[in-house]
């Protein structure tokens, strides 16, 4: 069963169309990436799924039924706008929200201690939220979202503001939840996190879906016209007629070739320019490269990459 279904959903705020004719499905037990640049409509879509906003047109089904307050105990939600009761102690705050989700105090207390240990926050249980760093506060809010063990977990920019160690910890928790059969939707514009974690994606741009489907199928549809080149020396060859564009990273370049270009010719020109090549590999384009191509309108073939 699909855990979430959006069918031709539109949401307006006066004359502004925040989401237009949006359709996608989220399969049970998967991690689903809702992607797009800032202002694309991601957060509005999430708020409709959790019943903060009602769609003006279209239909939304969550866990097989129309969204209502009866479904709230089965959903966990980490909003983009973080906010805790600053003068309230962490443990008291977690207990308050756990009770709101229907947990009795003994069971809630057991889960609170377990999650605080997992996130290395046990020593902060009796501290006020105002005393915590932003990263610690975000961990507390994540615990609030999952303390009641929801079937559906919705995370809006969950990695924002976290240090690399905390990001890895949170990714591990999300992976564990997925293995336990939970369904996770997360909204982000950090493409590397999506590639590592997501089964399916939906890319929204200017309020409209422009790309969707399983991550593997999406990357396959964009072909293998990308070269990973790790080299030392001059990069004048990158401005040649063979190269559509390139992204330079600290240890390598990700090069997108023009249609019909021969990757071997790029290698020959790199060597001819005096570059020392340590690695040369034809790969599928990264999701970041696909994102840039779609959002900036550089898909020269005009191919429709949508998939419901």
C-alpha atoms as a PDB file:
ATOM      1  CA  UNK A   1       0.000   0.000   0.000  1.00  0.00           C
ATOM      2  CA  UNK A   2       1.115   3.549  -0.679  1.00  0.00           C
ATOM      3  CA  UNK A   3       1.424   5.426   2.597  1.00  0.00           C
ATOM      4  CA  UNK A   4       0.944   8.849   0.981  1.00  0.00           C
ATOM      5  CA  UNK A   5      -0.781   9.770  -2.279  1.00  0.00           C
ATOM      6  CA  UNK A   6      -1.122  13.263  -3.717  1.00  0.00           C
ATOM      7  CA  UNK A   7      -3.460  13.501  -6.693  1.00  0.00           C
ATOM      8  CA  UNK A   8      -3.428  16.714  -8.762  1.00  0.00           C
ATOM      9  CA  UNK A   9      -3.026  18.894  -5.683  1.00  0.00           C
ATOM     10  CA  UNK A  10      -3.003  22.694  -5.968  1.00  0.00           C
ATOM     11  CA  UNK A  11      -2.577  25.236  -3.167  1.00  0.00           C
ATOM     12  CA  UNK A  12      -2.923  29.008  -3.536  1.00  0.00           C
ATOM     13  CA  UNK A  13      -2.330  31.883  -1.195  1.00  0.00           C
ATOM     14  CA  UNK A  14      -4.381  34.698  -2.683  1.00  0.00           C
ATOM     15  CA  UNK A  15      -2.942  35.075  -6.197  1.00  0.00           C
ATOM     16  CA  UNK A  16       0.245  33.134  -5.465  1.00  0.00           C
ATOM     17  CA  UNK A  17       0.243  29.463  -6.528  1.00  0.00           C
ATOM     18  CA  UNK A  18       2.484  27.633  -4.050  1.00  0.00           C
ATOM     19  CA  UNK A  19       1.795  24.124  -5.411  1.00  0.00           C
ATOM     20  CA  UNK A  20       0.314  23.375  -8.817  1.00  0.00           C
ATOM     21  CA  UNK A  21      -1.254  20.093  -9.975  1.00  0.00           C
ATOM     22  CA  UNK A  22       1.156  18.005  -7.887  1.00  0.00           C
ATOM     23  CA  UNK A  23       0.929  14.210  -7.894  1.00  0.00           C
ATOM     24  CA  UNK A  24       3.208  11.621  -6.316  1.00  0.00           C
ATOM     25  CA  UNK A  25       3.080   8.413  -4.286  1.00  0.00           C
ATOM     26  CA  UNK A  26       5.159   7.302  -1.313  1.00  0.00           C
ATOM     27  CA  UNK A  27       5.577   3.550  -1.005  1.00  0.00           C
ATOM     28  CA  UNK A  28       5.411   1.882   2.401  1.00  0.00           C
ATOM     29  CA  UNK A  29       8.791   1.189   4.016  1.00  0.00           C
ATOM     30  CA  UNK A  30      10.780   3.546   1.771  1.00  0.00           C
ATOM     31  CA  UNK A  31      12.707   6.770   2.177  1.00  0.00           C
ATOM     32  CA  UNK A  32      11.221   9.406  -0.124  1.00  0.00           C
ATOM     33  CA  UNK A  33      13.044  12.615  -1.029  1.00  0.00           C
ATOM     34  CA  UNK A  34      10.959  15.711  -1.711  1.00  0.00           C
ATOM     35  CA  UNK A  35      13.415  17.971  -3.491  1.00  0.00           C
ATOM     36  CA  UNK A  36      13.595  21.430  -4.958  1.00  0.00           C
ATOM     37  CA  UNK A  37      15.177  24.854  -4.632  1.00  0.00           C
ATOM     38  CA  UNK A  38      14.053  27.295  -1.961  1.00  0.00           C
ATOM     39  CA  UNK A  39      10.502  28.476  -2.592  1.00  0.00           C
ATOM     40  CA  UNK A  40       9.630  25.559  -4.869  1.00  0.00           C
ATOM     41  CA  UNK A  41       6.685  24.358  -2.764  1.00  0.00           C
ATOM     42  CA  UNK A  42       8.221  21.586  -0.652  1.00  0.00           C
ATOM     43  CA  UNK A  43       7.198  22.873   2.771  1.00  0.00           C
ATOM     44  CA  UNK A  44       3.688  23.765   1.574  1.00  0.00           C
ATOM     45  CA  UNK A  45       3.299  20.219   0.257  1.00  0.00           C
ATOM     46  CA  UNK A  46       4.398  18.774   3.590  1.00  0.00           C
ATOM     47  CA  UNK A  47       2.030  21.029   5.508  1.00  0.00           C
ATOM     48  CA  UNK A  48      -0.847  19.748   3.415  1.00  0.00           C
ATOM     49  CA  UNK A  49       0.163  16.145   4.114  1.00  0.00           C
ATOM     50  CA  UNK A  50       0.085  16.800   7.877  1.00  0.00           C
ATOM     51  CA  UNK A  51      -3.167  18.790   7.616  1.00  0.00           C
ATOM     52  CA  UNK A  52      -1.821  22.219   8.534  1.00  0.00           C
ATOM     53  CA  UNK A  53      -3.058  23.471   5.161  1.00  0.00           C
ATOM     54  CA  UNK A  54      -5.929  22.105   3.102  1.00  0.00           C
ATOM     55  CA  UNK A  55      -5.480  21.810  -0.667  1.00  0.00           C
ATOM     56  CA  UNK A  56      -7.594  24.062  -2.856  1.00  0.00           C
ATOM     57  CA  UNK A  57      -7.813  21.361  -5.510  1.00  0.00           C
ATOM     58  CA  UNK A  58      -6.954  17.679  -5.692  1.00  0.00           C
ATOM     59  CA  UNK A  59      -6.891  14.915  -3.130  1.00  0.00           C
ATOM     60  CA  UNK A  60      -4.479  13.693  -0.436  1.00  0.00           C
ATOM     61  CA  UNK A  61      -4.551  10.234   1.130  1.00  0.00           C
ATOM     62  CA  UNK A  62      -2.374   9.333   4.115  1.00  0.00           C
ATOM     63  CA  UNK A  63      -2.225   5.764   5.392  1.00  0.00           C
ATOM     64  CA  UNK A  64      -5.137   4.889   3.134  1.00  0.00           C
ATOM     65  CA  UNK A  65      -7.505   7.636   4.243  1.00  0.00           C
ATOM     66  CA  UNK A  66      -8.111  11.348   4.082  1.00  0.00           C
ATOM     67  CA  UNK A  67      -6.026  13.221   6.609  1.00  0.00           C
ATOM     68  CA  UNK A  68      -7.732  13.879   9.951  1.00  0.00           C
ATOM     69  CA  UNK A  69      -6.843  14.336  13.614  1.00  0.00           C
ATOM     70  CA  UNK A  70      -7.348  10.595  14.100  1.00  0.00           C
ATOM     71  CA  UNK A  71      -4.182   9.979  12.054  1.00  0.00           C
ATOM     72  CA  UNK A  72      -1.928  12.255  14.104  1.00  0.00           C
ATOM     73  CA  UNK A  73      -0.701   9.507  16.504  1.00  0.00           C
ATOM     74  CA  UNK A  74       0.529   7.553  13.452  1.00  0.00           C
ATOM     75  CA  UNK A  75       2.561  10.467  12.032  1.00  0.00           C
ATOM     76  CA  UNK A  76       5.761  12.123  13.226  1.00  0.00           C
ATOM     77  CA  UNK A  77       6.685  15.574  11.947  1.00  0.00           C
ATOM     78  CA  UNK A  78       9.890  17.598  12.252  1.00  0.00           C
ATOM     79  CA  UNK A  79       9.052  21.071  10.889  1.00  0.00           C
ATOM     80  CA  UNK A  80      11.504  23.330   9.124  1.00  0.00           C
ATOM     81  CA  UNK A  81      10.883  26.054  11.712  1.00  0.00           C
ATOM     82  CA  UNK A  82      12.526  24.704  14.850  1.00  0.00           C
ATOM     83  CA  UNK A  83      11.098  25.738  18.200  1.00  0.00           C
ATOM     84  CA  UNK A  84      11.169  24.425  21.753  1.00  0.00           C
ATOM     85  CA  UNK A  85       9.885  25.869  25.004  1.00  0.00           C
ATOM     86  CA  UNK A  86      13.127  27.605  25.902  1.00  0.00           C
ATOM     87  CA  UNK A  87      12.599  27.783  29.668  1.00  0.00           C
ATOM     88  CA  UNK A  88      11.357  24.219  29.983  1.00  0.00           C
ATOM     89  CA  UNK A  89      13.770  21.402  30.869  1.00  0.00           C
ATOM     90  CA  UNK A  90      14.583  18.920  28.125  1.00  0.00           C
ATOM     91  CA  UNK A  91      13.225  15.867  29.963  1.00  0.00           C
ATOM     92  CA  UNK A  92      10.026  17.646  30.963  1.00  0.00           C
ATOM     93  CA  UNK A  93       9.538  18.859  27.425  1.00  0.00           C
ATOM     94  CA  UNK A  94       9.978  15.402  25.924  1.00  0.00           C
ATOM     95  CA  UNK A  95       7.561  13.930  28.455  1.00  0.00           C
ATOM     96  CA  UNK A  96       4.982  16.631  27.676  1.00  0.00           C
ATOM     97  CA  UNK A  97       5.012  15.885  23.956  1.00  0.00           C
ATOM     98  CA  UNK A  98       5.091  12.113  24.502  1.00  0.00           C
ATOM     99  CA  UNK A  99       1.969  12.368  26.675  1.00  0.00           C
ATOM    100  CA  UNK A 100       0.306  14.445  23.947  1.00  0.00           C
ATOM    101  CA  UNK A 101       1.016  11.583  21.531  1.00  0.00           C
ATOM    102  CA  UNK A 102      -0.770   9.143  23.849  1.00  0.00           C
ATOM    103  CA  UNK A 103       2.130   7.538  25.718  1.00  0.00           C
ATOM    104  CA  UNK A 104       1.714   6.935  29.449  1.00  0.00           C
ATOM    105  CA  UNK A 105       4.400   8.420  31.683  1.00  0.00           C
ATOM    106  CA  UNK A 106       6.322   5.209  32.562  1.00  0.00           C
ATOM    107  CA  UNK A 107       6.659   4.129  28.911  1.00  0.00           C
ATOM    108  CA  UNK A 108       7.406   7.673  27.790  1.00  0.00           C
ATOM    109  CA  UNK A 109      10.148   8.007  30.426  1.00  0.00           C
ATOM    110  CA  UNK A 110      11.743   4.752  29.291  1.00  0.00           C
ATOM    111  CA  UNK A 111      11.792   5.864  25.662  1.00  0.00           C
ATOM    112  CA  UNK A 112      13.068   9.332  26.565  1.00  0.00           C
ATOM    113  CA  UNK A 113      16.076   7.919  28.419  1.00  0.00           C
ATOM    114  CA  UNK A 114      16.784   5.512  25.551  1.00  0.00           C
ATOM    115  CA  UNK A 115      16.743   8.259  22.914  1.00  0.00           C
ATOM    116  CA  UNK A 116      18.752  10.689  25.012  1.00  0.00           C
ATOM    117  CA  UNK A 117      21.449   8.032  25.366  1.00  0.00           C
ATOM    118  CA  UNK A 118      21.420   7.371  21.632  1.00  0.00           C
ATOM    119  CA  UNK A 119      21.882  11.076  20.869  1.00  0.00           C
ATOM    120  CA  UNK A 120      24.392  11.570  23.705  1.00  0.00           C
ATOM    121  CA  UNK A 121      22.114  14.040  25.460  1.00  0.00           C
ATOM    122  CA  UNK A 122      21.592  12.261  28.796  1.00  0.00           C
ATOM    123  CA  UNK A 123      23.628  14.871  30.677  1.00  0.00           C
ATOM    124  CA  UNK A 124      21.335  17.580  29.326  1.00  0.00           C
ATOM    125  CA  UNK A 125      18.039  16.061  30.452  1.00  0.00           C
ATOM    126  CA  UNK A 126      17.611  18.518  33.351  1.00  0.00           C
ATOM    127  CA  UNK A 127      18.901  21.533  31.426  1.00  0.00           C
ATOM    128  CA  UNK A 128      16.622  24.163  29.916  1.00  0.00           C
ATOM    129  CA  UNK A 129      16.269  24.141  26.147  1.00  0.00           C
ATOM    130  CA  UNK A 130      17.779  27.630  26.053  1.00  0.00           C
ATOM    131  CA  UNK A 131      21.045  26.166  27.386  1.00  0.00           C
ATOM    132  CA  UNK A 132      21.427  23.794  24.422  1.00  0.00           C
ATOM    133  CA  UNK A 133      23.246  24.486  21.179  1.00  0.00           C
ATOM    134  CA  UNK A 134      21.191  24.677  17.988  1.00  0.00           C
ATOM    135  CA  UNK A 135      22.336  21.198  17.007  1.00  0.00           C
ATOM    136  CA  UNK A 136      21.321  19.776  20.380  1.00  0.00           C
ATOM    137  CA  UNK A 137      17.946  21.464  20.153  1.00  0.00           C
ATOM    138  CA  UNK A 138      17.427  19.887  16.755  1.00  0.00           C
ATOM    139  CA  UNK A 139      18.182  16.441  18.175  1.00  0.00           C
ATOM    140  CA  UNK A 140      15.591  17.039  20.892  1.00  0.00           C
ATOM    141  CA  UNK A 141      13.014  18.008  18.286  1.00  0.00           C
ATOM    142  CA  UNK A 142      13.825  14.887  16.298  1.00  0.00           C
ATOM    143  CA  UNK A 143      13.194  12.803  19.418  1.00  0.00           C
ATOM    144  CA  UNK A 144       9.838  14.577  19.821  1.00  0.00           C
ATOM    145  CA  UNK A 145       8.955  13.584  16.253  1.00  0.00           C
ATOM    146  CA  UNK A 146       9.722   9.883  16.766  1.00  0.00           C
ATOM    147  CA  UNK A 147       9.085   9.265  20.484  1.00  0.00           C
ATOM    148  CA  UNK A 148       5.676   7.681  19.741  1.00  0.00           C
ATOM    149  CA  UNK A 149       7.135   5.391  17.024  1.00  0.00           C
ATOM    150  CA  UNK A 150       5.004   6.693  14.136  1.00  0.00           C
ATOM    151  CA  UNK A 151       4.364   4.707  10.967  1.00  0.00           C
ATOM    152  CA  UNK A 152       5.072   7.792   8.837  1.00  0.00           C
ATOM    153  CA  UNK A 153       7.896  10.196   9.664  1.00  0.00           C
ATOM    154  CA  UNK A 154       8.114  13.534   7.838  1.00  0.00           C
ATOM    155  CA  UNK A 155      11.333  15.530   8.163  1.00  0.00           C
ATOM    156  CA  UNK A 156      11.674  19.047   6.723  1.00  0.00           C
ATOM    157  CA  UNK A 157      15.389  19.860   6.210  1.00  0.00           C
ATOM    158  CA  UNK A 158      16.471  17.446   8.989  1.00  0.00           C
ATOM    159  CA  UNK A 159      20.234  17.920   8.486  1.00  0.00           C
ATOM    160  CA  UNK A 160      20.252  21.702   8.502  1.00  0.00           C
ATOM    161  CA  UNK A 161      22.629  23.073  11.133  1.00  0.00           C
ATOM    162  CA  UNK A 162      24.019  19.706  12.233  1.00  0.00           C
ATOM    163  CA  UNK A 163      27.740  18.956  12.430  1.00  0.00           C
ATOM    164  CA  UNK A 164      29.097  15.991  10.407  1.00  0.00           C
ATOM    165  CA  UNK A 165      29.078  13.619  13.401  1.00  0.00           C
ATOM    166  CA  UNK A 166      25.440  14.438  14.178  1.00  0.00           C
ATOM    167  CA  UNK A 167      24.514  14.089  10.488  1.00  0.00           C
ATOM    168  CA  UNK A 168      25.954  10.560  10.429  1.00  0.00           C
ATOM    169  CA  UNK A 169      24.144   9.693  13.653  1.00  0.00           C
ATOM    170  CA  UNK A 170      20.828  10.948  12.301  1.00  0.00           C
ATOM    171  CA  UNK A 171      21.332   9.114   8.994  1.00  0.00           C
ATOM    172  CA  UNK A 172      21.933   5.918  10.952  1.00  0.00           C
ATOM    173  CA  UNK A 173      18.722   6.404  12.907  1.00  0.00           C
ATOM    174  CA  UNK A 174      16.727   7.022   9.719  1.00  0.00           C
ATOM    175  CA  UNK A 175      18.231   3.911   8.132  1.00  0.00           C
ATOM    176  CA  UNK A 176      17.306   1.858  11.203  1.00  0.00           C
ATOM    177  CA  UNK A 177      13.742   3.171  11.131  1.00  0.00           C
ATOM    178  CA  UNK A 178      13.456   2.227   7.469  1.00  0.00           C
ATOM    179  CA  UNK A 179      14.682  -1.311   8.214  1.00  0.00           C
ATOM    180  CA  UNK A 180      11.955  -1.541  10.846  1.00  0.00           C
ATOM    181  CA  UNK A 181       9.330  -0.843   8.198  1.00  0.00           C
ATOM    182  CA  UNK A 182       8.759   2.855   8.832  1.00  0.00           C
ATOM    183  CA  UNK A 183       8.115   5.217   5.934  1.00  0.00           C
ATOM    184  CA  UNK A 184      10.145   8.431   5.834  1.00  0.00           C
ATOM    185  CA  UNK A 185       9.619  11.555   3.770  1.00  0.00           C
ATOM    186  CA  UNK A 186      12.292  14.183   3.972  1.00  0.00           C
ATOM    187  CA  UNK A 187      12.585  17.503   2.260  1.00  0.00           C
ATOM    188  CA  UNK A 188      16.023  18.837   1.449  1.00  0.00           C
ATOM    189  CA  UNK A 189      18.193  20.526  -1.134  1.00  0.00           C
ATOM    190  CA  UNK A 190      21.306  18.588  -0.047  1.00  0.00           C
ATOM    191  CA  UNK A 191      21.584  16.183  -2.943  1.00  0.00           C
ATOM    192  CA  UNK A 192      24.395  14.061  -1.504  1.00  0.00           C
ATOM    193  CA  UNK A 193      22.154  13.071   1.413  1.00  0.00           C
ATOM    194  CA  UNK A 194      19.395  12.090  -1.008  1.00  0.00           C
ATOM    195  CA  UNK A 195      21.707   9.882  -3.079  1.00  0.00           C
ATOM    196  CA  UNK A 196      22.858   8.048   0.018  1.00  0.00           C
ATOM    197  CA  UNK A 197      19.448   7.475   1.567  1.00  0.00           C
ATOM    198  CA  UNK A 198      16.446   7.739  -0.775  1.00  0.00           C
ATOM    199  CA  UNK A 199      14.603   5.026  -2.668  1.00  0.00           C
ATOM    200  CA  UNK A 200      12.317   7.424  -4.565  1.00  0.00           C
ATOM    201  CA  UNK A 201      12.315  11.151  -5.261  1.00  0.00           C
ATOM    202  CA  UNK A 202      10.081  13.963  -6.454  1.00  0.00           C
ATOM    203  CA  UNK A 203      11.689  17.181  -7.678  1.00  0.00           C
ATOM    204  CA  UNK A 204       9.533  20.321  -7.568  1.00  0.00           C
ATOM    205  CA  UNK A 205      10.447  23.559  -9.313  1.00  0.00           C
ATOM    206  CA  UNK A 206       8.266  26.674  -9.560  1.00  0.00           C
ATOM    207  CA  UNK A 207       5.445  24.872  -7.704  1.00  0.00           C
ATOM    208  CA  UNK A 208       5.304  22.011 -10.230  1.00  0.00           C
ATOM    209  CA  UNK A 209       6.696  18.495 -10.342  1.00  0.00           C
ATOM    210  CA  UNK A 210       9.444  18.270 -12.940  1.00  0.00           C
ATOM    211  CA  UNK A 211      10.999  14.905 -12.133  1.00  0.00           C
ATOM    212  CA  UNK A 212       9.991  11.806 -10.205  1.00  0.00           C
ATOM    213  CA  UNK A 213      10.376   8.068  -9.753  1.00  0.00           C
ATOM    214  CA  UNK A 214      12.850   5.705  -8.205  1.00  0.00           C
ATOM    215  CA  UNK A 215      16.277   7.242  -7.773  1.00  0.00           C
ATOM    216  CA  UNK A 216      17.910   4.429  -9.725  1.00  0.00           C
ATOM    217  CA  UNK A 217      15.552   4.843 -12.680  1.00  0.00           C
ATOM    218  CA  UNK A 218      15.910   8.629 -12.676  1.00  0.00           C
ATOM    219  CA  UNK A 219      19.693   8.411 -12.898  1.00  0.00           C
ATOM    220  CA  UNK A 220      19.493   5.741 -15.593  1.00  0.00           C
ATOM    221  CA  UNK A 221      17.254   7.980 -17.724  1.00  0.00           C
ATOM    222  CA  UNK A 222      19.936  10.653 -17.771  1.00  0.00           C
ATOM    223  CA  UNK A 223      22.454   8.259 -19.312  1.00  0.00           C
ATOM    224  CA  UNK A 224      26.169   7.877 -18.738  1.00  0.00           C
ATOM    225  CA  UNK A 225      27.469  11.106 -20.211  1.00  0.00           C
ATOM    226  CA  UNK A 226      29.336  12.131 -17.062  1.00  0.00           C
ATOM    227  CA  UNK A 227      33.055  11.742 -16.423  1.00  0.00           C
ATOM    228  CA  UNK A 228      34.772  11.737 -13.047  1.00  0.00           C
ATOM    229  CA  UNK A 229      38.299  13.042 -13.581  1.00  0.00           C
ATOM    230  CA  UNK A 230      40.864  13.260 -10.795  1.00  0.00           C
ATOM    231  CA  UNK A 231      43.850  15.165 -12.114  1.00  0.00           C
ATOM    232  CA  UNK A 232      46.658  17.553 -11.277  1.00  0.00           C
ATOM    233  CA  UNK A 233      47.727  20.428 -13.478  1.00  0.00           C
ATOM    234  CA  UNK A 234      46.049  22.810 -15.929  1.00  0.00           C
ATOM    235  CA  UNK A 235      42.339  22.632 -16.660  1.00  0.00           C
ATOM    236  CA  UNK A 236      42.185  24.533 -19.952  1.00  0.00           C
ATOM    237  CA  UNK A 237      40.781  21.413 -21.642  1.00  0.00           C
ATOM    238  CA  UNK A 238      37.534  21.868 -19.649  1.00  0.00           C
ATOM    239  CA  UNK A 239      36.568  24.818 -21.837  1.00  0.00           C
ATOM    240  CA  UNK A 240      36.575  22.682 -24.978  1.00  0.00           C
ATOM    241  CA  UNK A 241      33.641  22.019 -27.291  1.00  0.00           C
ATOM    242  CA  UNK A 242      33.328  18.540 -25.757  1.00  0.00           C
ATOM    243  CA  UNK A 243      32.248  19.758 -22.316  1.00  0.00           C
ATOM    244  CA  UNK A 244      28.749  21.039 -21.533  1.00  0.00           C
ATOM    245  CA  UNK A 245      29.701  22.039 -17.968  1.00  0.00           C
ATOM    246  CA  UNK A 246      31.766  20.850 -15.043  1.00  0.00           C
ATOM    247  CA  UNK A 247      31.762  20.983 -11.262  1.00  0.00           C
ATOM    248  CA  UNK A 248      35.162  21.267  -9.615  1.00  0.00           C
ATOM    249  CA  UNK A 249      35.445  19.570  -6.227  1.00  0.00           C
ATOM    250  CA  UNK A 250      38.553  19.497  -3.978  1.00  0.00           C
ATOM    251  CA  UNK A 251      39.756  16.134  -5.289  1.00  0.00           C
ATOM    252  CA  UNK A 252      38.119  15.718  -8.695  1.00  0.00           C
ATOM    253  CA  UNK A 253      35.961  17.262 -11.422  1.00  0.00           C
ATOM    254  CA  UNK A 254      32.525  16.042 -12.445  1.00  0.00           C
ATOM    255  CA  UNK A 255      32.286  16.709 -16.185  1.00  0.00           C
ATOM    256  CA  UNK A 256      29.080  16.592 -18.210  1.00  0.00           C
ATOM    257  CA  UNK A 257      29.740  15.965 -21.892  1.00  0.00           C
ATOM    258  CA  UNK A 258      27.920  17.477 -24.823  1.00  0.00           C
ATOM    259  CA  UNK A 259      25.727  15.061 -26.739  1.00  0.00           C
ATOM    260  CA  UNK A 260      27.868  12.957 -29.062  1.00  0.00           C
ATOM    261  CA  UNK A 261      31.142  13.857 -27.343  1.00  0.00           C
ATOM    262  CA  UNK A 262      33.724  11.103 -26.897  1.00  0.00           C
ATOM    263  CA  UNK A 263      34.910  10.727 -23.301  1.00  0.00           C
ATOM    264  CA  UNK A 264      38.227   9.353 -24.524  1.00  0.00           C
ATOM    265  CA  UNK A 265      38.834  12.618 -26.371  1.00  0.00           C
ATOM    266  CA  UNK A 266      38.451  14.502 -23.078  1.00  0.00           C
ATOM    267  CA  UNK A 267      41.113  12.242 -21.578  1.00  0.00           C
ATOM    268  CA  UNK A 268      43.447  12.809 -24.521  1.00  0.00           C
ATOM    269  CA  UNK A 269      43.003  16.582 -24.315  1.00  0.00           C
ATOM    270  CA  UNK A 270      43.629  16.569 -20.572  1.00  0.00           C
ATOM    271  CA  UNK A 271      46.894  14.719 -21.085  1.00  0.00           C
ATOM    272  CA  UNK A 272      47.768  16.921 -24.064  1.00  0.00           C
ATOM    273  CA  UNK A 273      47.258  20.025 -21.887  1.00  0.00           C
ATOM    274  CA  UNK A 274      49.823  18.668 -19.422  1.00  0.00           C
ATOM    275  CA  UNK A 275      47.461  17.366 -16.753  1.00  0.00           C
ATOM    276  CA  UNK A 276      48.451  14.315 -14.715  1.00  0.00           C
ATOM    277  CA  UNK A 277      45.404  12.031 -14.602  1.00  0.00           C
ATOM    278  CA  UNK A 278      44.976   9.876 -11.500  1.00  0.00           C
ATOM    279  CA  UNK A 279      41.447   8.657 -12.151  1.00  0.00           C
ATOM    280  CA  UNK A 280      39.163   8.593 -15.190  1.00  0.00           C
ATOM    281  CA  UNK A 281      35.708   7.038 -14.966  1.00  0.00           C
ATOM    282  CA  UNK A 282      32.462   7.159 -16.934  1.00  0.00           C
ATOM    283  CA  UNK A 283      29.564   7.305 -14.453  1.00  0.00           C
ATOM    284  CA  UNK A 284      25.892   8.067 -14.197  1.00  0.00           C
ATOM    285  CA  UNK A 285      25.366  11.761 -13.429  1.00  0.00           C
ATOM    286  CA  UNK A 286      25.103  12.658  -9.754  1.00  0.00           C
ATOM    287  CA  UNK A 287      21.733  13.762  -8.470  1.00  0.00           C
ATOM    288  CA  UNK A 288      23.270  17.185  -7.889  1.00  0.00           C
ATOM    289  CA  UNK A 289      24.119  17.392 -11.606  1.00  0.00           C
ATOM    290  CA  UNK A 290      20.597  16.271 -12.560  1.00  0.00           C
ATOM    291  CA  UNK A 291      19.113  18.791 -10.139  1.00  0.00           C
ATOM    292  CA  UNK A 292      21.125  21.628 -11.687  1.00  0.00           C
ATOM    293  CA  UNK A 293      20.217  20.563 -15.221  1.00  0.00           C
ATOM    294  CA  UNK A 294      16.496  20.408 -14.480  1.00  0.00           C
ATOM    295  CA  UNK A 295      16.229  23.517 -12.309  1.00  0.00           C
ATOM    296  CA  UNK A 296      18.295  25.728 -14.599  1.00  0.00           C
ATOM    297  CA  UNK A 297      16.457  24.512 -17.694  1.00  0.00           C
ATOM    298  CA  UNK A 298      19.546  23.109 -19.396  1.00  0.00           C
ATOM    299  CA  UNK A 299      17.965  19.911 -20.630  1.00  0.00           C
ATOM    300  CA  UNK A 300      18.544  20.726 -24.277  1.00  0.00           C
ATOM    301  CA  UNK A 301      16.657  17.746 -25.600  1.00  0.00           C
ATOM    302  CA  UNK A 302      13.439  18.965 -23.963  1.00  0.00           C
ATOM    303  CA  UNK A 303      12.768  15.458 -22.699  1.00  0.00           C
ATOM    304  CA  UNK A 304       9.928  15.029 -20.224  1.00  0.00           C
ATOM    305  CA  UNK A 305      11.471  13.275 -17.246  1.00  0.00           C
ATOM    306  CA  UNK A 306       8.306  13.122 -15.169  1.00  0.00           C
ATOM    307  CA  UNK A 307       7.216   9.809 -13.796  1.00  0.00           C
ATOM    308  CA  UNK A 308       4.178   9.475 -11.566  1.00  0.00           C
END
